[in-house]
Amino acid sequence: MLKWALIFAVVALIAGALGFGGIAGAAAGIAKILFFIFLVGFVLFLVLGVMAGRKISGG
């Protein structure tokens, strides 16, 4: 997911540099959405991993 967010961010930068404002805005919006979905998933799995680690170790 992070890979796709970075790809859309690069597309937005290139499109913006070439003067395609609509495409740049759309690509930037998609990149932002994908990044926040990645961030929520990362934090969720981090918390689940810590909780499972405590349960396995008995702490």
C-alpha atoms as a PDB file:
ATOM      1  CA  MET A   1       0.000   0.000   0.000  1.00  0.00           C
ATOM      2  CA  LEU A   2       2.829   2.361   0.826  1.00  0.00           C
ATOM      3  CA  LYS A   3       4.423   1.519  -2.521  1.00  0.00           C
ATOM      4  CA  TRP A   4       1.286   2.637  -4.380  1.00  0.00           C
ATOM      5  CA  ALA A   5       1.068   5.814  -2.301  1.00  0.00           C
ATOM      6  CA  LEU A   6       4.640   6.684  -3.269  1.00  0.00           C
ATOM      7  CA  ILE A   7       3.937   5.923  -6.940  1.00  0.00           C
ATOM      8  CA  PHE A   8       0.902   8.235  -6.952  1.00  0.00           C
ATOM      9  CA  ALA A   9       2.914  10.926  -5.154  1.00  0.00           C
ATOM     10  CA  VAL A  10       5.609  10.778  -7.829  1.00  0.00           C
ATOM     11  CA  VAL A  11       2.966  10.877 -10.570  1.00  0.00           C
ATOM     12  CA  ALA A  12       1.448  13.942  -8.893  1.00  0.00           C
ATOM     13  CA  LEU A  13       4.825  15.686  -8.729  1.00  0.00           C
ATOM     14  CA  ILE A  14       5.621  14.965 -12.376  1.00  0.00           C
ATOM     15  CA  ALA A  15       2.143  15.968 -13.560  1.00  0.00           C
ATOM     16  CA  GLY A  16       2.324  19.161 -11.513  1.00  0.00           C
ATOM     17  CA  ALA A  17       5.726  20.026 -12.968  1.00  0.00           C
ATOM     18  CA  LEU A  18       4.376  19.521 -16.488  1.00  0.00           C
ATOM     19  CA  GLY A  19       1.321  21.671 -15.844  1.00  0.00           C
ATOM     20  CA  PHE A  20      -1.391  19.031 -15.557  1.00  0.00           C
ATOM     21  CA  GLY A  21      -3.088  20.434 -12.467  1.00  0.00           C
ATOM     22  CA  GLY A  22      -6.178  18.230 -12.503  1.00  0.00           C
ATOM     23  CA  ILE A  23      -4.243  15.004 -12.832  1.00  0.00           C
ATOM     24  CA  ALA A  24      -1.736  16.161 -10.211  1.00  0.00           C
ATOM     25  CA  GLY A  25      -4.509  16.972  -7.744  1.00  0.00           C
ATOM     26  CA  ALA A  26      -6.247  13.654  -8.292  1.00  0.00           C
ATOM     27  CA  ALA A  27      -3.023  11.675  -7.947  1.00  0.00           C
ATOM     28  CA  ALA A  28      -2.093  13.591  -4.795  1.00  0.00           C
ATOM     29  CA  GLY A  29      -5.528  12.898  -3.309  1.00  0.00           C
ATOM     30  CA  ILE A  30      -5.240   9.184  -4.043  1.00  0.00           C
ATOM     31  CA  ALA A  31      -1.725   9.118  -2.591  1.00  0.00           C
ATOM     32  CA  LYS A  32      -2.947  10.807   0.582  1.00  0.00           C
ATOM     33  CA  ILE A  33      -5.829   8.342   1.011  1.00  0.00           C
ATOM     34  CA  LEU A  34      -3.575   5.332   0.422  1.00  0.00           C
ATOM     35  CA  PHE A  35      -0.987   6.665   2.872  1.00  0.00           C
ATOM     36  CA  PHE A  36      -3.549   7.122   5.651  1.00  0.00           C
ATOM     37  CA  ILE A  37      -4.997   3.645   5.030  1.00  0.00           C
ATOM     38  CA  PHE A  38      -1.444   2.280   5.279  1.00  0.00           C
ATOM     39  CA  LEU A  39      -0.830   4.246   8.466  1.00  0.00           C
ATOM     40  CA  VAL A  40      -4.016   2.971  10.142  1.00  0.00           C
ATOM     41  CA  GLY A  41      -3.219  -0.618   9.140  1.00  0.00           C
ATOM     42  CA  PHE A  42       0.355  -0.302  10.384  1.00  0.00           C
ATOM     43  CA  VAL A  43      -0.694   1.029  13.780  1.00  0.00           C
ATOM     44  CA  LEU A  44      -3.428  -1.609  14.073  1.00  0.00           C
ATOM     45  CA  PHE A  45      -1.046  -4.478  13.346  1.00  0.00           C
ATOM     46  CA  LEU A  46       1.594  -2.967  15.631  1.00  0.00           C
ATOM     47  CA  VAL A  47      -0.861  -2.881  18.540  1.00  0.00           C
ATOM     48  CA  LEU A  48      -2.104  -6.398  17.767  1.00  0.00           C
ATOM     49  CA  GLY A  49       1.473  -7.675  17.615  1.00  0.00           C
ATOM     50  CA  VAL A  50       2.365  -6.140  20.971  1.00  0.00           C
ATOM     51  CA  MET A  51      -0.781  -7.554  22.571  1.00  0.00           C
ATOM     52  CA  ALA A  52      -0.149 -11.036  21.125  1.00  0.00           C
ATOM     53  CA  GLY A  53       3.471 -10.915  22.267  1.00  0.00           C
ATOM     54  CA  ARG A  54       2.403 -10.132  25.823  1.00  0.00           C
ATOM     55  CA  LYS A  55      -0.151 -12.926  25.787  1.00  0.00           C
ATOM     56  CA  ILE A  56       2.389 -15.500  24.537  1.00  0.00           C
ATOM     57  CA  SER A  57       5.100 -14.453  27.008  1.00  0.00           C
ATOM     58  CA  GLY A  58       2.631 -14.277  29.888  1.00  0.00           C
ATOM     59  CA  GLY A  59       3.377 -10.659  30.706  1.00  0.00           C
END
